[in-house]
Amino acid sequence: MVFSGNTSGSIKSASVSTGGTLVSYSLWNRTGGAIVVNIGIVISSTDRYIYSANLAAAGSTGSSFYQTVNISVPKDAEILISTSGSVDYYFTVE
């Protein structure tokens, strides 16, 4: 499953109906100033944050972030992104 797009605020993925493993994600700041992006997994309506990224202004060093991970995503859980600015995102769940 790929979960990708742009958000300015917060967004949840569709439920991961069979469960799986979050294997990687990328974030790109599209805002003129620095932003904070929080990433989490929503399990039974409870948010569980797994990472917080501080991204520099768009076009500058530190404005993007990529991470390879191995995080279990339970059946019917959702990926949650919450940001203080505009961010492009790309998540891969296998």
Protein backbone atom coordinates (compact mmCIF):
# COMPACT_ATOMS: atom_id res chain seq x y z
CA MET A 1 0.00 0.00 0.00
CA VAL A 2 1.20 3.49 -0.83
CA PHE A 3 -0.14 6.53 1.03
CA SER A 4 0.94 9.75 -0.67
CA GLY A 5 -0.16 13.31 -1.32
CA ASN A 6 -0.02 16.76 0.27
CA THR A 7 -1.59 18.13 3.43
CA SER A 8 -1.67 21.35 5.43
CA GLY A 9 -2.99 20.23 8.79
CA SER A 10 -3.69 16.58 9.41
CA ILE A 11 -4.72 13.57 7.37
CA LYS A 12 -5.25 9.85 7.95
CA SER A 13 -4.71 7.05 5.47
CA ALA A 14 -7.34 4.50 4.63
CA SER A 15 -7.36 1.59 7.08
CA VAL A 16 -4.64 -0.99 6.53
CA SER A 17 -7.22 -3.78 6.27
CA THR A 18 -4.83 -6.72 6.55
CA GLY A 19 -2.15 -5.09 8.68
CA GLY A 20 1.42 -4.86 7.48
CA THR A 21 4.76 -3.18 8.00
CA LEU A 22 5.59 0.47 7.43
CA VAL A 23 8.89 0.15 5.53
CA SER A 24 9.69 3.73 4.53
CA TYR A 25 8.42 7.27 4.33
CA SER A 26 9.45 10.59 2.81
CA LEU A 27 8.45 14.14 3.73
CA TRP A 28 9.00 17.38 1.76
CA ASN A 29 8.28 20.83 3.17
CA ARG A 30 6.36 23.04 0.69
CA THR A 31 6.16 26.04 3.06
CA GLY A 32 8.30 29.21 3.04
CA GLY A 33 9.26 28.66 6.70
CA ALA A 34 10.28 25.80 8.96
CA ILE A 35 7.58 23.30 9.99
CA VAL A 36 7.04 20.37 12.36
CA VAL A 37 5.54 17.11 11.07
CA ASN A 38 4.22 14.45 13.46
CA ILE A 39 3.68 10.90 12.23
CA GLY A 40 1.59 8.33 14.03
CA ILE A 41 -0.44 5.18 13.85
CA VAL A 42 -4.13 5.29 14.83
CA ILE A 43 -5.28 2.07 16.51
CA SER A 44 -8.92 1.82 17.63
CA SER A 45 -9.29 5.63 17.53
CA THR A 46 -6.18 6.15 19.71
CA ASP A 47 -3.26 8.15 18.23
CA ARG A 48 0.20 6.69 18.88
CA TYR A 49 2.92 9.02 17.65
CA ILE A 50 6.09 7.40 16.39
CA TYR A 51 8.13 10.29 15.01
CA SER A 52 8.36 14.07 14.89
CA ALA A 53 10.37 15.80 12.13
CA ASN A 54 11.51 19.42 12.04
CA LEU A 55 11.84 20.47 8.40
CA ALA A 56 13.59 23.63 7.21
CA ALA A 57 11.99 26.05 4.73
CA ALA A 58 11.21 24.69 1.25
CA GLY A 59 14.21 24.65 -1.05
CA SER A 60 16.80 24.82 1.73
CA THR A 61 19.01 22.15 3.29
CA GLY A 62 16.92 20.06 5.67
CA SER A 63 13.59 20.71 3.95
CA SER A 64 13.06 17.02 3.18
CA PHE A 65 13.35 13.79 5.15
CA TYR A 66 13.49 10.09 4.22
CA GLN A 67 13.56 7.15 6.60
CA THR A 68 13.63 3.39 6.15
CA VAL A 69 11.81 1.76 9.08
CA ASN A 70 10.32 -1.55 10.18
CA ILE A 71 7.16 -0.61 12.10
CA SER A 72 4.28 -3.02 12.52
CA VAL A 73 0.92 -1.60 11.46
CA PRO A 74 -1.93 -3.59 13.04
CA LYS A 75 -4.99 -4.70 11.09
CA ASP A 76 -7.42 -1.80 10.47
CA ALA A 77 -4.96 0.83 11.79
CA GLU A 78 -4.40 4.12 9.96
CA ILE A 79 -1.32 6.27 9.37
CA LEU A 80 -1.70 9.81 10.71
CA ILE A 81 0.20 12.90 9.58
CA SER A 82 -0.13 16.20 11.42
CA THR A 83 1.82 19.26 10.26
CA SER A 84 2.21 22.96 11.00
CA GLY A 85 2.59 23.77 7.27
CA SER A 86 2.24 22.29 3.79
CA VAL A 87 3.98 18.94 3.35
CA ASP A 88 4.21 16.36 0.58
CA TYR A 89 4.37 12.78 1.91
CA TYR A 90 4.96 9.26 0.60
CA PHE A 91 4.55 6.18 2.84
CA THR A 92 5.05 2.54 1.87
CA VAL A 93 3.32 -0.26 3.81
CA GLU A 94 3.97 -3.87 2.81
